[in-house]
Amino acid sequence: LATALGGGHYHSFVVTQDGSAWAAGANENGQLGLSDTTDRLAFQQVPGLSGILAMDGGAAHSIALMKDGTVWVAGDNSRGQLGLGDTADRIAFNQVPGLASAVAVAAGYESSYVVTSDGALWVAGWNKYGQLGLNDTTDRRTFTAVPGLTGVVAVDGGYGFSIVLRN
């Protein structure tokens, strides 16, 4: 049985009761996390990930929230949207260092968003329109906390924008 769904521009994920993920669709940047760049016409289990709570996808990258609060990312990283400190694509899921208390994740077009248990919002990636909420238009290659924003419980992102729900 599926417990969560997630999708990006041309790719999608199903998270099952046992905490595994299944991926299908476009994979030109490795956004399916299957250790290659071959598109998938049928769902295939994502190797190396277990204990998944939620997943989301952007244009060509993906983000996963694990039960232990860690965050894992794969795919296109041209704008630093994987938050790993560089712009190299990843064809397998990699853990984001320093984010260990995540409770929600979302992917925008070329940006990523993480809500932590203390109600903070952490952002990375493309920021041409100020969608990271950092009061500038500078892209971020590592996850950065949005200053002054507290009580965040949910987040979502799109093409050039983001939205948060606060308690």
C-alpha atoms as a PDB file:
ATOM      1  CA  LEU A   1       0.000   0.000   0.000  1.00  0.00           C
ATOM      2  CA  ALA A   2       1.140   3.522  -0.799  1.00  0.00           C
ATOM      3  CA  THR A   3       1.534   5.985   2.067  1.00  0.00           C
ATOM      4  CA  ALA A   4       2.851   9.002   0.134  1.00  0.00           C
ATOM      5  CA  LEU A   5       3.190  10.276  -3.416  1.00  0.00           C
ATOM      6  CA  GLY A   6       5.549  12.797  -4.930  1.00  0.00           C
ATOM      7  CA  GLY A   7       6.217  14.173  -8.351  1.00  0.00           C
ATOM      8  CA  GLY A   8       8.387  16.500 -10.331  1.00  0.00           C
ATOM      9  CA  HIS A   9       8.300  17.977 -13.801  1.00  0.00           C
ATOM     10  CA  TYR A  10       8.413  14.603 -15.619  1.00  0.00           C
ATOM     11  CA  HIS A  11       9.047  12.091 -12.837  1.00  0.00           C
ATOM     12  CA  SER A  12       7.104  10.576  -9.941  1.00  0.00           C
ATOM     13  CA  PHE A  13       7.496   8.576  -6.747  1.00  0.00           C
ATOM     14  CA  VAL A  14       5.367   6.253  -4.656  1.00  0.00           C
ATOM     15  CA  VAL A  15       6.336   5.616  -1.020  1.00  0.00           C
ATOM     16  CA  THR A  16       5.029   2.324   0.344  1.00  0.00           C
ATOM     17  CA  GLN A  17       4.065   1.156   3.836  1.00  0.00           C
ATOM     18  CA  ASP A  18       7.451  -0.483   4.350  1.00  0.00           C
ATOM     19  CA  GLY A  19       9.203   2.887   3.790  1.00  0.00           C
ATOM     20  CA  SER A  20      10.599   2.090   0.359  1.00  0.00           C
ATOM     21  CA  ALA A  21      10.262   4.275  -2.729  1.00  0.00           C
ATOM     22  CA  TRP A  22       9.387   3.442  -6.297  1.00  0.00           C
ATOM     23  CA  ALA A  23      10.271   5.824  -9.140  1.00  0.00           C
ATOM     24  CA  ALA A  24       9.277   6.289 -12.787  1.00  0.00           C
ATOM     25  CA  GLY A  25       9.607   8.847 -15.543  1.00  0.00           C
ATOM     26  CA  ALA A  26      12.315  11.118 -16.899  1.00  0.00           C
ATOM     27  CA  ASN A  27      15.785  10.592 -15.482  1.00  0.00           C
ATOM     28  CA  GLU A  28      18.169  12.659 -17.630  1.00  0.00           C
ATOM     29  CA  ASN A  29      19.853  14.122 -14.540  1.00  0.00           C
ATOM     30  CA  GLY A  30      19.534  11.060 -12.294  1.00  0.00           C
ATOM     31  CA  GLN A  31      16.503  12.507 -10.485  1.00  0.00           C
ATOM     32  CA  LEU A  32      15.051   9.020  -9.961  1.00  0.00           C
ATOM     33  CA  GLY A  33      18.081   8.131  -7.826  1.00  0.00           C
ATOM     34  CA  LEU A  34      18.599   4.815  -9.628  1.00  0.00           C
ATOM     35  CA  SER A  35      22.362   5.347 -10.190  1.00  0.00           C
ATOM     36  CA  ASP A  36      21.944   6.006 -13.912  1.00  0.00           C
ATOM     37  CA  THR A  37      20.308   8.450 -16.315  1.00  0.00           C
ATOM     38  CA  THR A  38      17.949   6.042 -18.085  1.00  0.00           C
ATOM     39  CA  ASP A  39      14.275   7.045 -18.211  1.00  0.00           C
ATOM     40  CA  ARG A  40      11.853   4.506 -16.671  1.00  0.00           C
ATOM     41  CA  LEU A  41       8.502   3.638 -18.237  1.00  0.00           C
ATOM     42  CA  ALA A  42       7.508   1.506 -15.235  1.00  0.00           C
ATOM     43  CA  PHE A  43       8.061   2.022 -11.518  1.00  0.00           C
ATOM     44  CA  GLN A  44      11.342   0.663 -10.172  1.00  0.00           C
ATOM     45  CA  GLN A  45      12.382   0.470  -6.531  1.00  0.00           C
ATOM     46  CA  VAL A  46      14.916   3.103  -5.498  1.00  0.00           C
ATOM     47  CA  PRO A  47      17.978   1.356  -4.025  1.00  0.00           C
ATOM     48  CA  GLY A  48      19.683   2.473  -0.833  1.00  0.00           C
ATOM     49  CA  LEU A  49      16.727   4.291   0.727  1.00  0.00           C
ATOM     50  CA  SER A  50      14.543   2.895   3.484  1.00  0.00           C
ATOM     51  CA  GLY A  51      12.399   4.464   6.155  1.00  0.00           C
ATOM     52  CA  ILE A  52      11.038   7.125   3.810  1.00  0.00           C
ATOM     53  CA  LEU A  53       8.189   9.369   4.958  1.00  0.00           C
ATOM     54  CA  ALA A  54       7.801  11.718   1.999  1.00  0.00           C
ATOM     55  CA  MET A  55       9.288  12.658  -1.374  1.00  0.00           C
ATOM     56  CA  ASP A  56       8.942  15.515  -3.820  1.00  0.00           C
ATOM     57  CA  GLY A  57      10.421  16.492  -7.156  1.00  0.00           C
ATOM     58  CA  GLY A  58      11.360  19.664  -8.956  1.00  0.00           C
ATOM     59  CA  ALA A  59      12.176  20.182 -12.613  1.00  0.00           C
ATOM     60  CA  ALA A  60      14.862  17.475 -12.601  1.00  0.00           C
ATOM     61  CA  HIS A  61      15.794  16.881  -8.958  1.00  0.00           C
ATOM     62  CA  SER A  62      14.241  15.020  -6.041  1.00  0.00           C
ATOM     63  CA  ILE A  63      14.175  15.295  -2.264  1.00  0.00           C
ATOM     64  CA  ALA A  64      13.293  12.641   0.320  1.00  0.00           C
ATOM     65  CA  LEU A  65      12.414  12.917   4.006  1.00  0.00           C
ATOM     66  CA  MET A  66      13.353   9.935   6.142  1.00  0.00           C
ATOM     67  CA  LYS A  67      11.699   8.748   9.370  1.00  0.00           C
ATOM     68  CA  ASP A  68      14.890   9.620  11.271  1.00  0.00           C
ATOM     69  CA  GLY A  69      14.603  13.272  10.166  1.00  0.00           C
ATOM     70  CA  THR A  70      17.412  13.179   7.620  1.00  0.00           C
ATOM     71  CA  VAL A  71      17.063  14.565   4.104  1.00  0.00           C
ATOM     72  CA  TRP A  72      18.320  12.876   0.920  1.00  0.00           C
ATOM     73  CA  VAL A  73      18.595  14.397  -2.573  1.00  0.00           C
ATOM     74  CA  ALA A  74      19.293  13.325  -6.158  1.00  0.00           C
ATOM     75  CA  GLY A  75      19.310  14.711  -9.692  1.00  0.00           C
ATOM     76  CA  ASP A  76      20.016  18.072 -11.275  1.00  0.00           C
ATOM     77  CA  ASN A  77      22.117  20.391  -9.162  1.00  0.00           C
ATOM     78  CA  SER A  78      22.901  23.166 -11.653  1.00  0.00           C
ATOM     79  CA  ARG A  79      21.667  25.851  -9.222  1.00  0.00           C
ATOM     80  CA  GLY A  80      22.832  24.137  -6.013  1.00  0.00           C
ATOM     81  CA  GLN A  81      19.283  22.891  -5.341  1.00  0.00           C
ATOM     82  CA  LEU A  82      20.586  19.683  -3.753  1.00  0.00           C
ATOM     83  CA  GLY A  83      22.186  21.767  -1.005  1.00  0.00           C
ATOM     84  CA  LEU A  84      25.422  19.777  -1.094  1.00  0.00           C
ATOM     85  CA  GLY A  85      27.753  22.769  -1.561  1.00  0.00           C
ATOM     86  CA  ASP A  86      28.416  22.384  -5.287  1.00  0.00           C
ATOM     87  CA  THR A  87      26.655  22.206  -8.653  1.00  0.00           C
ATOM     88  CA  ALA A  88      27.413  18.578  -9.596  1.00  0.00           C
ATOM     89  CA  ASP A  89      24.424  16.377 -10.464  1.00  0.00           C
ATOM     90  CA  ARG A  90      23.876  13.239  -8.343  1.00  0.00           C
ATOM     91  CA  ILE A  91      22.484  10.064  -9.955  1.00  0.00           C
ATOM     92  CA  ALA A  92      21.954   8.360  -6.586  1.00  0.00           C
ATOM     93  CA  PHE A  93      20.421   9.773  -3.429  1.00  0.00           C
ATOM     94  CA  ASN A  94      22.893  11.533  -1.107  1.00  0.00           C
ATOM     95  CA  GLN A  95      22.267  12.601   2.471  1.00  0.00           C
ATOM     96  CA  VAL A  96      22.296  16.352   3.068  1.00  0.00           C
ATOM     97  CA  PRO A  97      24.777  17.072   5.864  1.00  0.00           C
ATOM     98  CA  GLY A  98      23.575  19.128   8.819  1.00  0.00           C
ATOM     99  CA  LEU A  99      19.833  18.496   8.427  1.00  0.00           C
ATOM    100  CA  ALA A 100      18.869  15.881  11.010  1.00  0.00           C
ATOM    101  CA  SER A 101      15.548  17.076  12.398  1.00  0.00           C
ATOM    102  CA  ALA A 102      13.469  17.583   9.262  1.00  0.00           C
ATOM    103  CA  VAL A 103       9.698  17.156   9.413  1.00  0.00           C
ATOM    104  CA  ALA A 104       8.695  18.284   5.894  1.00  0.00           C
ATOM    105  CA  VAL A 105      10.340  18.713   2.486  1.00  0.00           C
ATOM    106  CA  ALA A 106       9.381  20.231  -0.841  1.00  0.00           C
ATOM    107  CA  ALA A 107      10.975  20.883  -4.198  1.00  0.00           C
ATOM    108  CA  GLY A 108      10.424  23.914  -6.384  1.00  0.00           C
ATOM    109  CA  TYR A 109      11.484  24.185 -10.010  1.00  0.00           C
ATOM    110  CA  GLU A 110      15.228  24.339  -9.197  1.00  0.00           C
ATOM    111  CA  SER A 111      15.031  24.894  -5.449  1.00  0.00           C
ATOM    112  CA  SER A 112      14.552  22.810  -2.310  1.00  0.00           C
ATOM    113  CA  TYR A 113      12.844  23.495   1.007  1.00  0.00           C
ATOM    114  CA  VAL A 114      13.109  21.747   4.391  1.00  0.00           C
ATOM    115  CA  VAL A 115      11.090  22.396   7.555  1.00  0.00           C
ATOM    116  CA  THR A 116      12.806  21.309  10.773  1.00  0.00           C
ATOM    117  CA  SER A 117      11.218  20.264  14.056  1.00  0.00           C
ATOM    118  CA  ASP A 118      11.892  23.692  15.595  1.00  0.00           C
ATOM    119  CA  GLY A 119       9.704  25.365  12.941  1.00  0.00           C
ATOM    120  CA  ALA A 120      12.575  26.784  10.901  1.00  0.00           C
ATOM    121  CA  LEU A 121      12.671  26.798   7.096  1.00  0.00           C
ATOM    122  CA  TRP A 122      15.886  25.829   5.310  1.00  0.00           C
ATOM    123  CA  VAL A 123      16.282  26.609   1.596  1.00  0.00           C
ATOM    124  CA  ALA A 124      18.708  25.884  -1.246  1.00  0.00           C
ATOM    125  CA  GLY A 125      19.002  26.426  -4.977  1.00  0.00           C
ATOM    126  CA  TRP A 126      17.695  28.852  -7.573  1.00  0.00           C
ATOM    127  CA  ASN A 127      16.638  32.250  -6.239  1.00  0.00           C
ATOM    128  CA  LYS A 128      16.193  34.503  -9.316  1.00  0.00           C
ATOM    129  CA  TYR A 129      12.829  35.781  -8.090  1.00  0.00           C
ATOM    130  CA  GLY A 130      13.593  35.746  -4.351  1.00  0.00           C
ATOM    131  CA  GLN A 131      11.656  32.486  -3.950  1.00  0.00           C
ATOM    132  CA  LEU A 132      14.017  31.311  -1.196  1.00  0.00           C
ATOM    133  CA  GLY A 133      12.732  34.117   1.044  1.00  0.00           C
ATOM    134  CA  LEU A 134      16.205  35.399   1.909  1.00  0.00           C
ATOM    135  CA  ASN A 135      15.578  39.013   0.830  1.00  0.00           C
ATOM    136  CA  ASP A 136      17.921  38.743  -2.165  1.00  0.00           C
ATOM    137  CA  THR A 137      18.213  36.980  -5.532  1.00  0.00           C
ATOM    138  CA  THR A 138      21.402  34.999  -4.907  1.00  0.00           C
ATOM    139  CA  ASP A 139      21.323  31.232  -5.491  1.00  0.00           C
ATOM    140  CA  ARG A 140      22.343  29.059  -2.514  1.00  0.00           C
ATOM    141  CA  ARG A 141      24.435  25.876  -2.848  1.00  0.00           C
ATOM    142  CA  THR A 142      23.973  24.848   0.777  1.00  0.00           C
ATOM    143  CA  PHE A 143      20.826  24.848   2.869  1.00  0.00           C
ATOM    144  CA  THR A 144      20.371  28.199   4.584  1.00  0.00           C
ATOM    145  CA  ALA A 145      17.882  29.025   7.341  1.00  0.00           C
ATOM    146  CA  VAL A 146      15.416  31.785   6.466  1.00  0.00           C
ATOM    147  CA  PRO A 147      16.024  34.434   9.161  1.00  0.00           C
ATOM    148  CA  GLY A 148      13.061  35.633  11.193  1.00  0.00           C
ATOM    149  CA  LEU A 149      10.685  32.947   9.941  1.00  0.00           C
ATOM    150  CA  THR A 150       9.386  30.737  12.761  1.00  0.00           C
ATOM    151  CA  GLY A 151       6.527  28.336  13.361  1.00  0.00           C
ATOM    152  CA  VAL A 152       6.669  26.798   9.883  1.00  0.00           C
ATOM    153  CA  VAL A 153       4.786  23.489   9.613  1.00  0.00           C
ATOM    154  CA  ALA A 154       4.539  23.028   5.836  1.00  0.00           C
ATOM    155  CA  VAL A 155       6.133  24.357   2.658  1.00  0.00           C
ATOM    156  CA  ASP A 156       5.738  24.040  -1.094  1.00  0.00           C
ATOM    157  CA  GLY A 157       7.533  25.506  -4.068  1.00  0.00           C
ATOM    158  CA  GLY A 158       6.905  26.094  -7.747  1.00  0.00           C
ATOM    159  CA  TYR A 159       8.512  27.954 -10.624  1.00  0.00           C
ATOM    160  CA  GLY A 160       9.944  31.099  -9.037  1.00  0.00           C
ATOM    161  CA  PHE A 161       7.853  31.047  -5.865  1.00  0.00           C
ATOM    162  CA  SER A 162       7.386  29.293  -2.533  1.00  0.00           C
ATOM    163  CA  ILE A 163       4.689  29.252   0.116  1.00  0.00           C
ATOM    164  CA  VAL A 164       4.730  28.308   3.799  1.00  0.00           C
ATOM    165  CA  LEU A 165       2.127  27.435   6.385  1.00  0.00           C
ATOM    166  CA  ARG A 166       2.825  28.647   9.916  1.00  0.00           C
ATOM    167  CA  ASN A 167       1.121  27.550  13.117  1.00  0.00           C
END
